[in-house]
Amino acid sequence: MQGFCEYIISGSQEQLFISVPVVTIFEPKKEGIIGGLGQCGAVMVAADCFNQNQGSEVDRIYGGVTTGTNWKFLILEETTVYIDPIEYYIQDVDKILGILLQPFLPNVS
């Protein structure tokens, strides 16, 4: 499997550098949302490797697949990718933005 990540959201304040947390977002071409889940999961594993190489291990890696109007979200914890069973639609933009901001919020236990 190969391809390019369409968007990366990073905790870096500089556009030239990537720092944790990292969120990867894919826009599948012909395959639709389901076809993009594997590609997104693979890049989430790569983001986890990047974080570990930078000495910044994080508990979760977040990812998303979108057609532009439909969204599906994933979380990588250790070696397991969890796929949100809900598919979000563009009219739920407040929910989508809330999910996208989740990695950048302080951890509250």
PDB file of N, CA and C in Angstrom:
ATOM      1  N   MET A   1       0.845  -1.156   0.000  1.00  0.00           N
ATOM      2  CA  MET A   1       0.000   0.000   0.000  1.00  0.00           C
ATOM      3  C   MET A   1       0.904   1.235   0.000  1.00  0.00           C
ATOM      4  N   GLN A   2       0.576   2.196  -0.829  1.00  0.00           N
ATOM      5  CA  GLN A   2       1.353   3.420  -0.855  1.00  0.00           C
ATOM      6  C   GLN A   2       0.443   4.587  -1.187  1.00  0.00           C
ATOM      7  N   GLY A   3       0.937   5.766  -0.904  1.00  0.00           N
ATOM      8  CA  GLY A   3       0.149   6.958  -1.150  1.00  0.00           C
ATOM      9  C   GLY A   3       0.648   8.092  -0.292  1.00  0.00           C
ATOM     10  N   PHE A   4      -0.073   9.166  -0.315  1.00  0.00           N
ATOM     11  CA  PHE A   4       0.321  10.345   0.418  1.00  0.00           C
ATOM     12  C   PHE A   4      -0.786  10.743   1.378  1.00  0.00           C
ATOM     13  N   CYS A   5      -0.374  11.217   2.524  1.00  0.00           N
ATOM     14  CA  CYS A   5      -1.323  11.749   3.486  1.00  0.00           C
ATOM     15  C   CYS A   5      -1.731  13.134   2.997  1.00  0.00           C
ATOM     16  N   GLU A   6      -3.040  13.375   2.874  1.00  0.00           N
ATOM     17  CA  GLU A   6      -3.495  14.665   2.367  1.00  0.00           C
ATOM     18  C   GLU A   6      -3.272  15.785   3.374  1.00  0.00           C
ATOM     19  N   TYR A   7      -3.483  15.487   4.637  1.00  0.00           N
ATOM     20  CA  TYR A   7      -3.353  16.519   5.673  1.00  0.00           C
ATOM     21  C   TYR A   7      -2.696  15.923   6.900  1.00  0.00           C
ATOM     22  N   ILE A   8      -1.854  16.709   7.530  1.00  0.00           N
ATOM     23  CA  ILE A   8      -1.282  16.351   8.827  1.00  0.00           C
ATOM     24  C   ILE A   8      -1.537  17.532   9.744  1.00  0.00           C
ATOM     25  N   ILE A   9      -2.137  17.251  10.885  1.00  0.00           N
ATOM     26  CA  ILE A   9      -2.318  18.267  11.914  1.00  0.00           C
ATOM     27  C   ILE A   9      -1.314  17.941  13.004  1.00  0.00           C
ATOM     28  N   SER A  10      -0.501  18.920  13.366  1.00  0.00           N
ATOM     29  CA  SER A  10       0.592  18.691  14.295  1.00  0.00           C
ATOM     30  C   SER A  10       0.558  19.731  15.410  1.00  0.00           C
ATOM     31  N   GLY A  11       1.181  19.388  16.525  1.00  0.00           N
ATOM     32  CA  GLY A  11       1.284  20.317  17.640  1.00  0.00           C
ATOM     33  C   GLY A  11       2.335  21.394  17.414  1.00  0.00           C
ATOM     34  N   SER A  12       3.065  21.344  16.305  1.00  0.00           N
ATOM     35  CA  SER A  12       4.117  22.313  16.013  1.00  0.00           C
ATOM     36  C   SER A  12       3.538  23.670  15.650  1.00  0.00           C
ATOM     37  N   GLN A  13       4.175  24.723  16.122  1.00  0.00           N
ATOM     38  CA  GLN A  13       3.764  26.074  15.747  1.00  0.00           C
ATOM     39  C   GLN A  13       4.435  26.509  14.448  1.00  0.00           C
ATOM     40  N   GLU A  14       5.384  25.728  13.966  1.00  0.00           N
ATOM     41  CA  GLU A  14       6.083  26.003  12.718  1.00  0.00           C
ATOM     42  C   GLU A  14       5.557  25.076  11.631  1.00  0.00           C
ATOM     43  N   GLN A  15       5.314  25.575  10.449  1.00  0.00           N
ATOM     44  CA  GLN A  15       4.808  24.736   9.367  1.00  0.00           C
ATOM     45  C   GLN A  15       5.861  23.784   8.817  1.00  0.00           C
ATOM     46  N   LEU A  16       7.130  24.069   9.042  1.00  0.00           N
ATOM     47  CA  LEU A  16       8.187  23.244   8.472  1.00  0.00           C
ATOM     48  C   LEU A  16       8.546  22.052   9.338  1.00  0.00           C
ATOM     49  N   PHE A  17       8.043  21.982  10.553  1.00  0.00           N
ATOM     50  CA  PHE A  17       8.391  20.914  11.473  1.00  0.00           C
ATOM     51  C   PHE A  17       7.138  20.206  11.953  1.00  0.00           C
ATOM     52  N   ILE A  18       7.277  18.922  12.177  1.00  0.00           N
ATOM     53  CA  ILE A  18       6.177  18.131  12.721  1.00  0.00           C
ATOM     54  C   ILE A  18       6.536  17.779  14.152  1.00  0.00           C
ATOM     55  N   SER A  19       5.616  18.023  15.069  1.00  0.00           N
ATOM     56  CA  SER A  19       5.816  17.601  16.447  1.00  0.00           C
ATOM     57  C   SER A  19       4.528  17.002  16.977  1.00  0.00           C
ATOM     58  N   VAL A  20       4.663  16.235  18.048  1.00  0.00           N
ATOM     59  CA  VAL A  20       3.501  15.571  18.618  1.00  0.00           C
ATOM     60  C   VAL A  20       2.599  16.588  19.287  1.00  0.00           C
ATOM     61  N   PRO A  21       1.321  16.321  19.354  1.00  0.00           N
ATOM     62  CA  PRO A  21       0.621  15.178  18.759  1.00  0.00           C
ATOM     63  C   PRO A  21       0.451  15.352  17.254  1.00  0.00           C
ATOM     64  N   VAL A  22       0.284  14.248  16.574  1.00  0.00           N
ATOM     65  CA  VAL A  22       0.102  14.244  15.129  1.00  0.00           C
ATOM     66  C   VAL A  22      -1.237  13.570  14.814  1.00  0.00           C
ATOM     67  N   VAL A  23      -2.009  14.195  13.942  1.00  0.00           N
ATOM     68  CA  VAL A  23      -3.253  13.604  13.441  1.00  0.00           C
ATOM     69  C   VAL A  23      -3.099  13.461  11.942  1.00  0.00           C
ATOM     70  N   THR A  24      -3.378  12.286  11.412  1.00  0.00           N
ATOM     71  CA  THR A  24      -3.283  12.075   9.971  1.00  0.00           C
ATOM     72  C   THR A  24      -4.688  12.000   9.390  1.00  0.00           C
ATOM     73  N   ILE A  25      -4.872  12.642   8.231  1.00  0.00           N
ATOM     74  CA  ILE A  25      -6.182  12.652   7.585  1.00  0.00           C
ATOM     75  C   ILE A  25      -6.014  12.259   6.125  1.00  0.00           C
ATOM     76  N   PHE A  26      -6.820  11.298   5.676  1.00  0.00           N
ATOM     77  CA  PHE A  26      -6.768  10.816   4.303  1.00  0.00           C
ATOM     78  C   PHE A  26      -8.049  11.116   3.569  1.00  0.00           C
ATOM     79  N   GLU A  27      -7.892  11.349   2.293  1.00  0.00           N
ATOM     80  CA  GLU A  27      -9.039  11.487   1.397  1.00  0.00           C
ATOM     81  C   GLU A  27      -8.925  10.385   0.355  1.00  0.00           C
ATOM     82  N   PRO A  28      -9.661   9.285   0.543  1.00  0.00           N
ATOM     83  CA  PRO A  28      -9.561   8.185  -0.424  1.00  0.00           C
ATOM     84  C   PRO A  28     -10.131   8.608  -1.770  1.00  0.00           C
ATOM     85  N   LYS A  29      -9.541   8.122  -2.809  1.00  0.00           N
ATOM     86  CA  LYS A  29      -9.979   8.516  -4.150  1.00  0.00           C
ATOM     87  C   LYS A  29     -11.202   7.709  -4.587  1.00  0.00           C
ATOM     88  N   LYS A  30     -11.008   6.590  -5.203  1.00  0.00           N
ATOM     89  CA  LYS A  30     -12.116   5.801  -5.741  1.00  0.00           C
ATOM     90  C   LYS A  30     -12.708   4.844  -4.718  1.00  0.00           C
ATOM     91  N   GLU A  31     -11.929   4.490  -3.702  1.00  0.00           N
ATOM     92  CA  GLU A  31     -12.339   3.431  -2.785  1.00  0.00           C
ATOM     93  C   GLU A  31     -13.415   3.855  -1.804  1.00  0.00           C
ATOM     94  N   GLY A  32     -13.554   5.132  -1.522  1.00  0.00           N
ATOM     95  CA  GLY A  32     -14.491   5.591  -0.509  1.00  0.00           C
ATOM     96  C   GLY A  32     -13.896   5.456   0.876  1.00  0.00           C
ATOM     97  N   ILE A  33     -14.712   5.743   1.873  1.00  0.00           N
ATOM     98  CA  ILE A  33     -14.254   5.745   3.268  1.00  0.00           C
ATOM     99  C   ILE A  33     -13.636   4.401   3.659  1.00  0.00           C
ATOM    100  N   ILE A  34     -14.327   3.320   3.387  1.00  0.00           N
ATOM    101  CA  ILE A  34     -13.852   1.994   3.814  1.00  0.00           C
ATOM    102  C   ILE A  34     -12.483   1.687   3.205  1.00  0.00           C
ATOM    103  N   GLY A  35     -12.288   2.029   1.946  1.00  0.00           N
ATOM    104  CA  GLY A  35     -11.016   1.776   1.279  1.00  0.00           C
ATOM    105  C   GLY A  35      -9.865   2.578   1.848  1.00  0.00           C
ATOM    106  N   GLY A  36     -10.139   3.700   2.484  1.00  0.00           N
ATOM    107  CA  GLY A  36      -9.082   4.536   3.043  1.00  0.00           C
ATOM    108  C   GLY A  36      -8.681   4.169   4.462  1.00  0.00           C
ATOM    109  N   LEU A  37      -9.454   3.298   5.120  1.00  0.00           N
ATOM    110  CA  LEU A  37      -9.164   2.962   6.513  1.00  0.00           C
ATOM    111  C   LEU A  37      -7.816   2.268   6.683  1.00  0.00           C
ATOM    112  N   GLY A  38      -7.497   1.322   5.802  1.00  0.00           N
ATOM    113  CA  GLY A  38      -6.221   0.616   5.889  1.00  0.00           C
ATOM    114  C   GLY A  38      -5.039   1.538   5.680  1.00  0.00           C
ATOM    115  N   GLN A  39      -5.148   2.412   4.699  1.00  0.00           N
ATOM    116  CA  GLN A  39      -4.078   3.363   4.409  1.00  0.00           C
ATOM    117  C   GLN A  39      -3.874   4.308   5.592  1.00  0.00           C
ATOM    118  N   CYS A  40      -4.963   4.770   6.168  1.00  0.00           N
ATOM    119  CA  CYS A  40      -4.867   5.659   7.311  1.00  0.00           C
ATOM    120  C   CYS A  40      -4.231   4.934   8.501  1.00  0.00           C
ATOM    121  N   GLY A  41      -4.662   3.696   8.742  1.00  0.00           N
ATOM    122  CA  GLY A  41      -4.090   2.908   9.829  1.00  0.00           C
ATOM    123  C   GLY A  41      -2.592   2.709   9.664  1.00  0.00           C
ATOM    124  N   ALA A  42      -2.145   2.445   8.442  1.00  0.00           N
ATOM    125  CA  ALA A  42      -0.719   2.248   8.183  1.00  0.00           C
ATOM    126  C   ALA A  42       0.074   3.520   8.483  1.00  0.00           C
ATOM    127  N   VAL A  43      -0.463   4.666   8.114  1.00  0.00           N
ATOM    128  CA  VAL A  43       0.240   5.921   8.373  1.00  0.00           C
ATOM    129  C   VAL A  43       0.194   6.270   9.859  1.00  0.00           C
ATOM    130  N   MET A  44      -0.846   5.850  10.554  1.00  0.00           N
ATOM    131  CA  MET A  44      -0.892   6.062  12.001  1.00  0.00           C
ATOM    132  C   MET A  44       0.229   5.280  12.686  1.00  0.00           C
ATOM    133  N   VAL A  45       0.493   4.066  12.214  1.00  0.00           N
ATOM    134  CA  VAL A  45       1.609   3.279  12.747  1.00  0.00           C
ATOM    135  C   VAL A  45       2.928   4.003  12.455  1.00  0.00           C
ATOM    136  N   ALA A  46       3.061   4.561  11.250  1.00  0.00           N
ATOM    137  CA  ALA A  46       4.266   5.324  10.914  1.00  0.00           C
ATOM    138  C   ALA A  46       4.395   6.559  11.804  1.00  0.00           C
ATOM    139  N   ALA A  47       3.276   7.232  12.099  1.00  0.00           N
ATOM    140  CA  ALA A  47       3.311   8.397  12.993  1.00  0.00           C
ATOM    141  C   ALA A  47       3.755   7.973  14.387  1.00  0.00           C
ATOM    142  N   ASP A  48       3.318   6.799  14.836  1.00  0.00           N
ATOM    143  CA  ASP A  48       3.744   6.288  16.135  1.00  0.00           C
ATOM    144  C   ASP A  48       5.250   6.045  16.142  1.00  0.00           C
ATOM    145  N   CYS A  49       5.767   5.469  15.058  1.00  0.00           N
ATOM    146  CA  CYS A  49       7.225   5.261  14.935  1.00  0.00           C
ATOM    147  C   CYS A  49       7.953   6.599  14.954  1.00  0.00           C
ATOM    148  N   PHE A  50       7.423   7.591  14.235  1.00  0.00           N
ATOM    149  CA  PHE A  50       8.013   8.935  14.230  1.00  0.00           C
ATOM    150  C   PHE A  50       8.073   9.483  15.652  1.00  0.00           C
ATOM    151  N   ASN A  51       6.968   9.386  16.377  1.00  0.00           N
ATOM    152  CA  ASN A  51       6.932   9.889  17.750  1.00  0.00           C
ATOM    153  C   ASN A  51       7.977   9.199  18.619  1.00  0.00           C
ATOM    154  N   GLN A  52       8.076   7.869  18.500  1.00  0.00           N
ATOM    155  CA  GLN A  52       9.045   7.127  19.298  1.00  0.00           C
ATOM    156  C   GLN A  52      10.476   7.531  18.944  1.00  0.00           C
ATOM    157  N   ASN A  53      10.756   7.716  17.653  1.00  0.00           N
ATOM    158  CA  ASN A  53      12.099   8.143  17.230  1.00  0.00           C
ATOM    159  C   ASN A  53      12.448   9.533  17.734  1.00  0.00           C
ATOM    160  N   GLN A  54      11.431  10.364  17.950  1.00  0.00           N
ATOM    161  CA  GLN A  54      11.642  11.718  18.465  1.00  0.00           C
ATOM    162  C   GLN A  54      11.681  11.732  19.993  1.00  0.00           C
ATOM    163  N   GLY A  55      11.516  10.554  20.606  1.00  0.00           N
ATOM    164  CA  GLY A  55      11.507  10.464  22.059  1.00  0.00           C
ATOM    165  C   GLY A  55      10.228  11.002  22.672  1.00  0.00           C
ATOM    166  N   SER A  56       9.171  11.040  21.890  1.00  0.00           N
ATOM    167  CA  SER A  56       7.886  11.586  22.347  1.00  0.00           C
ATOM    168  C   SER A  56       6.797  10.536  22.206  1.00  0.00           C
ATOM    169  N   GLU A  57       6.869   9.516  23.026  1.00  0.00           N
ATOM    170  CA  GLU A  57       5.837   8.490  22.945  1.00  0.00           C
ATOM    171  C   GLU A  57       4.519   9.047  23.464  1.00  0.00           C
ATOM    172  N   VAL A  58       3.460   8.762  22.750  1.00  0.00           N
ATOM    173  CA  VAL A  58       2.129   9.199  23.153  1.00  0.00           C
ATOM    174  C   VAL A  58       1.240   7.964  23.282  1.00  0.00           C
ATOM    175  N   ASP A  59       0.193   8.094  24.077  1.00  0.00           N
ATOM    176  CA  ASP A  59      -0.699   6.962  24.318  1.00  0.00           C
ATOM    177  C   ASP A  59      -1.574   6.638  23.117  1.00  0.00           C
ATOM    178  N   ARG A  60      -1.926   7.683  22.348  1.00  0.00           N
ATOM    179  CA  ARG A  60      -2.857   7.502  21.231  1.00  0.00           C
ATOM    180  C   ARG A  60      -2.386   8.262  19.997  1.00  0.00           C
ATOM    181  N   ILE A  61      -2.627   7.645  18.852  1.00  0.00           N
ATOM    182  CA  ILE A  61      -2.445   8.309  17.569  1.00  0.00           C
ATOM    183  C   ILE A  61      -3.834   8.421  16.959  1.00  0.00           C
ATOM    184  N   TYR A  62      -4.169   9.592  16.466  1.00  0.00           N
ATOM    185  CA  TYR A  62      -5.495   9.835  15.901  1.00  0.00           C
ATOM    186  C   TYR A  62      -5.405   9.910  14.378  1.00  0.00           C
ATOM    187  N   GLY A  63      -6.428   9.421  13.717  1.00  0.00           N
ATOM    188  CA  GLY A  63      -6.482   9.483  12.264  1.00  0.00           C
ATOM    189  C   GLY A  63      -7.913   9.669  11.807  1.00  0.00           C
ATOM    190  N   GLY A  64      -8.053  10.084  10.559  1.00  0.00           N
ATOM    191  CA  GLY A  64      -9.375  10.262   9.990  1.00  0.00           C
ATOM    192  C   GLY A  64      -9.346  10.009   8.499  1.00  0.00           C
ATOM    193  N   VAL A  65     -10.477   9.559   7.987  1.00  0.00           N
ATOM    194  CA  VAL A  65     -10.644   9.358   6.553  1.00  0.00           C
ATOM    195  C   VAL A  65     -11.871  10.167   6.152  1.00  0.00           C
ATOM    196  N   THR A  66     -11.749  10.924   5.076  1.00  0.00           N
ATOM    197  CA  THR A  66     -12.867  11.760   4.653  1.00  0.00           C
ATOM    198  C   THR A  66     -13.028  11.761   3.140  1.00  0.00           C
ATOM    199  N   THR A  67     -14.271  11.881   2.721  1.00  0.00           N
ATOM    200  CA  THR A  67     -14.562  12.104   1.310  1.00  0.00           C
ATOM    201  C   THR A  67     -14.745  13.598   1.065  1.00  0.00           C
ATOM    202  N   GLY A  68     -14.661  14.379   2.126  1.00  0.00           N
ATOM    203  CA  GLY A  68     -14.940  15.807   2.066  1.00  0.00           C
ATOM    204  C   GLY A  68     -16.297  16.108   2.685  1.00  0.00           C
ATOM    205  N   THR A  69     -17.215  15.166   2.550  1.00  0.00           N
ATOM    206  CA  THR A  69     -18.539  15.340   3.164  1.00  0.00           C
ATOM    207  C   THR A  69     -18.800  14.301   4.252  1.00  0.00           C
ATOM    208  N   ASN A  70     -18.157  13.146   4.164  1.00  0.00           N
ATOM    209  CA  ASN A  70     -18.297  12.089   5.164  1.00  0.00           C
ATOM    210  C   ASN A  70     -16.959  11.897   5.866  1.00  0.00           C
ATOM    211  N   TRP A  71     -17.002  11.615   7.164  1.00  0.00           N
ATOM    212  CA  TRP A  71     -15.801  11.447   7.968  1.00  0.00           C
ATOM    213  C   TRP A  71     -15.907  10.180   8.804  1.00  0.00           C
ATOM    214  N   LYS A  72     -14.774   9.489   8.956  1.00  0.00           N
ATOM    215  CA  LYS A  72     -14.663   8.330   9.840  1.00  0.00           C
ATOM    216  C   LYS A  72     -13.343   8.503  10.602  1.00  0.00           C
ATOM    217  N   PHE A  73     -13.345   8.227  11.909  1.00  0.00           N
ATOM    218  CA  PHE A  73     -12.164   8.476  12.731  1.00  0.00           C
ATOM    219  C   PHE A  73     -11.616   7.191  13.321  1.00  0.00           C
ATOM    220  N   LEU A  74     -10.295   7.176  13.532  1.00  0.00           N
ATOM    221  CA  LEU A  74      -9.578   6.025  14.052  1.00  0.00           C
ATOM    222  C   LEU A  74      -8.681   6.468  15.203  1.00  0.00           C
ATOM    223  N   ILE A  75      -8.390   5.526  16.097  1.00  0.00           N
ATOM    224  CA  ILE A  75      -7.422   5.750  17.171  1.00  0.00           C
ATOM    225  C   ILE A  75      -6.508   4.533  17.216  1.00  0.00           C
ATOM    226  N   LEU A  76      -5.209   4.775  17.307  1.00  0.00           N
ATOM    227  CA  LEU A  76      -4.223   3.707  17.489  1.00  0.00           C
ATOM    228  C   LEU A  76      -3.744   3.761  18.935  1.00  0.00           C
ATOM    229  N   GLU A  77      -3.933   2.667  19.655  1.00  0.00           N
ATOM    230  CA  GLU A  77      -3.421   2.516  21.012  1.00  0.00           C
ATOM    231  C   GLU A  77      -2.565   1.263  21.040  1.00  0.00           C
ATOM    232  N   GLU A  78      -1.298   1.438  21.336  1.00  0.00           N
ATOM    233  CA  GLU A  78      -0.315   0.355  21.307  1.00  0.00           C
ATOM    234  C   GLU A  78      -0.333  -0.299  19.932  1.00  0.00           C
ATOM    235  N   THR A  79      -0.838  -1.525  19.809  1.00  0.00           N
ATOM    236  CA  THR A  79      -0.826  -2.211  18.513  1.00  0.00           C
ATOM    237  C   THR A  79      -2.231  -2.425  17.952  1.00  0.00           C
ATOM    238  N   THR A  80      -3.218  -1.739  18.524  1.00  0.00           N
ATOM    239  CA  THR A  80      -4.598  -1.926  18.093  1.00  0.00           C
ATOM    240  C   THR A  80      -5.163  -0.644  17.506  1.00  0.00           C
ATOM    241  N   VAL A  81      -5.761  -0.756  16.328  1.00  0.00           N
ATOM    242  CA  VAL A  81      -6.451   0.379  15.708  1.00  0.00           C
ATOM    243  C   VAL A  81      -7.944   0.222  15.986  1.00  0.00           C
ATOM    244  N   TYR A  82      -8.530   1.254  16.582  1.00  0.00           N
ATOM    245  CA  TYR A  82      -9.964   1.274  16.844  1.00  0.00           C
ATOM    246  C   TYR A  82     -10.624   2.200  15.831  1.00  0.00           C
ATOM    247  N   ILE A  83     -11.714   1.745  15.228  1.00  0.00           N
ATOM    248  CA  ILE A  83     -12.437   2.529  14.237  1.00  0.00           C
ATOM    249  C   ILE A  83     -13.765   2.944  14.842  1.00  0.00           C
ATOM    250  N   ASP A  84     -14.013   4.240  14.880  1.00  0.00           N
ATOM    251  CA  ASP A  84     -15.284   4.750  15.394  1.00  0.00           C
ATOM    252  C   ASP A  84     -16.405   4.190  14.516  1.00  0.00           C
ATOM    253  N   PRO A  85     -17.403   3.545  15.109  1.00  0.00           N
ATOM    254  CA  PRO A  85     -18.472   2.966  14.286  1.00  0.00           C
ATOM    255  C   PRO A  85     -19.381   4.017  13.640  1.00  0.00           C
ATOM    256  N   ILE A  86     -19.292   5.253  14.131  1.00  0.00           N
ATOM    257  CA  ILE A  86     -20.148   6.316  13.599  1.00  0.00           C
ATOM    258  C   ILE A  86     -19.476   6.976  12.403  1.00  0.00           C
ATOM    259  N   GLU A  87     -20.239   7.193  11.343  1.00  0.00           N
ATOM    260  CA  GLU A  87     -19.759   7.988  10.212  1.00  0.00           C
ATOM    261  C   GLU A  87     -20.377   9.375  10.355  1.00  0.00           C
ATOM    262  N   TYR A  88     -19.524  10.381  10.378  1.00  0.00           N
ATOM    263  CA  TYR A  88     -19.972  11.755  10.586  1.00  0.00           C
ATOM    264  C   TYR A  88     -20.136  12.443   9.234  1.00  0.00           C
ATOM    265  N   TYR A  89     -21.094  13.338   9.157  1.00  0.00           N
ATOM    266  CA  TYR A  89     -21.392  14.043   7.909  1.00  0.00           C
ATOM    267  C   TYR A  89     -21.117  15.524   8.092  1.00  0.00           C
ATOM    268  N   ILE A  90     -20.855  16.205   7.001  1.00  0.00           N
ATOM    269  CA  ILE A  90     -20.412  17.592   7.026  1.00  0.00           C
ATOM    270  C   ILE A  90     -21.370  18.508   7.791  1.00  0.00           C
ATOM    271  N   GLN A  91     -22.645  18.197   7.828  1.00  0.00           N
ATOM    272  CA  GLN A  91     -23.570  19.037   8.582  1.00  0.00           C
ATOM    273  C   GLN A  91     -23.306  18.935  10.088  1.00  0.00           C
ATOM    274  N   ASP A  92     -22.532  17.912  10.521  1.00  0.00           N
ATOM    275  CA  ASP A  92     -22.120  17.763  11.918  1.00  0.00           C
ATOM    276  C   ASP A  92     -20.747  18.373  12.144  1.00  0.00           C
ATOM    277  N   VAL A  93     -20.495  19.533  11.532  1.00  0.00           N
ATOM    278  CA  VAL A  93     -19.162  20.128  11.560  1.00  0.00           C
ATOM    279  C   VAL A  93     -18.691  20.386  12.982  1.00  0.00           C
ATOM    280  N   ASP A  94     -19.592  20.705  13.907  1.00  0.00           N
ATOM    281  CA  ASP A  94     -19.171  20.934  15.282  1.00  0.00           C
ATOM    282  C   ASP A  94     -18.615  19.656  15.908  1.00  0.00           C
ATOM    283  N   LYS A  95     -19.208  18.512  15.626  1.00  0.00           N
ATOM    284  CA  LYS A  95     -18.707  17.233  16.131  1.00  0.00           C
ATOM    285  C   LYS A  95     -17.365  16.900  15.496  1.00  0.00           C
ATOM    286  N   ILE A  96     -17.264  17.121  14.179  1.00  0.00           N
ATOM    287  CA  ILE A  96     -16.016  16.831  13.464  1.00  0.00           C
ATOM    288  C   ILE A  96     -14.878  17.671  14.024  1.00  0.00           C
ATOM    289  N   LEU A  97     -15.087  18.962  14.197  1.00  0.00           N
ATOM    290  CA  LEU A  97     -14.044  19.838  14.742  1.00  0.00           C
ATOM    291  C   LEU A  97     -13.688  19.445  16.168  1.00  0.00           C
ATOM    292  N   GLY A  98     -14.687  19.047  16.951  1.00  0.00           N
ATOM    293  CA  GLY A  98     -14.420  18.589  18.311  1.00  0.00           C
ATOM    294  C   GLY A  98     -13.533  17.363  18.338  1.00  0.00           C
ATOM    295  N   ILE A  99     -13.792  16.431  17.442  1.00  0.00           N
ATOM    296  CA  ILE A  99     -12.967  15.222  17.355  1.00  0.00           C
ATOM    297  C   ILE A  99     -11.552  15.583  16.905  1.00  0.00           C
ATOM    298  N   LEU A 100     -11.431  16.484  15.925  1.00  0.00           N
ATOM    299  CA  LEU A 100     -10.109  16.880  15.435  1.00  0.00           C
ATOM    300  C   LEU A 100      -9.289  17.605  16.499  1.00  0.00           C
ATOM    301  N   LEU A 101      -9.949  18.293  17.408  1.00  0.00           N
ATOM    302  CA  LEU A 101      -9.247  19.017  18.484  1.00  0.00           C
ATOM    303  C   LEU A 101      -8.869  18.117  19.648  1.00  0.00           C
ATOM    304  N   GLN A 102      -9.478  16.961  19.767  1.00  0.00           N
ATOM    305  CA  GLN A 102      -9.280  16.061  20.904  1.00  0.00           C
ATOM    306  C   GLN A 102      -7.813  15.815  21.244  1.00  0.00           C
ATOM    307  N   PRO A 103      -6.933  15.519  20.276  1.00  0.00           N
ATOM    308  CA  PRO A 103      -5.538  15.235  20.622  1.00  0.00           C
ATOM    309  C   PRO A 103      -4.795  16.419  21.235  1.00  0.00           C
ATOM    310  N   PHE A 104      -5.318  17.612  21.051  1.00  0.00           N
ATOM    311  CA  PHE A 104      -4.615  18.808  21.498  1.00  0.00           C
ATOM    312  C   PHE A 104      -5.127  19.337  22.840  1.00  0.00           C
ATOM    313  N   LEU A 105      -6.122  18.659  23.392  1.00  0.00           N
ATOM    314  CA  LEU A 105      -6.672  19.058  24.685  1.00  0.00           C
ATOM    315  C   LEU A 105      -5.852  18.404  25.805  1.00  0.00           C
ATOM    316  N   PRO A 106      -5.748  19.077  26.957  1.00  0.00           N
ATOM    317  CA  PRO A 106      -5.009  18.470  28.064  1.00  0.00           C
ATOM    318  C   PRO A 106      -5.682  17.186  28.527  1.00  0.00           C
ATOM    319  N   ASN A 107      -4.879  16.219  28.937  1.00  0.00           N
ATOM    320  CA  ASN A 107      -5.426  14.957  29.439  1.00  0.00           C
ATOM    321  C   ASN A 107      -6.059  15.201  30.797  1.00  0.00           C
ATOM    322  N   VAL A 108      -7.298  14.798  30.918  1.00  0.00           N
ATOM    323  CA  VAL A 108      -7.998  14.912  32.187  1.00  0.00           C
ATOM    324  C   VAL A 108      -8.362  13.503  32.621  1.00  0.00           C
ATOM    325  N   SER A 109      -7.862  13.092  33.746  1.00  0.00           N
ATOM    326  CA  SER A 109      -8.141  11.721  34.221  1.00  0.00           C
ATOM    327  C   SER A 109      -9.261  11.720  35.204  1.00  0.00           C
TER     328      SER A 109
END
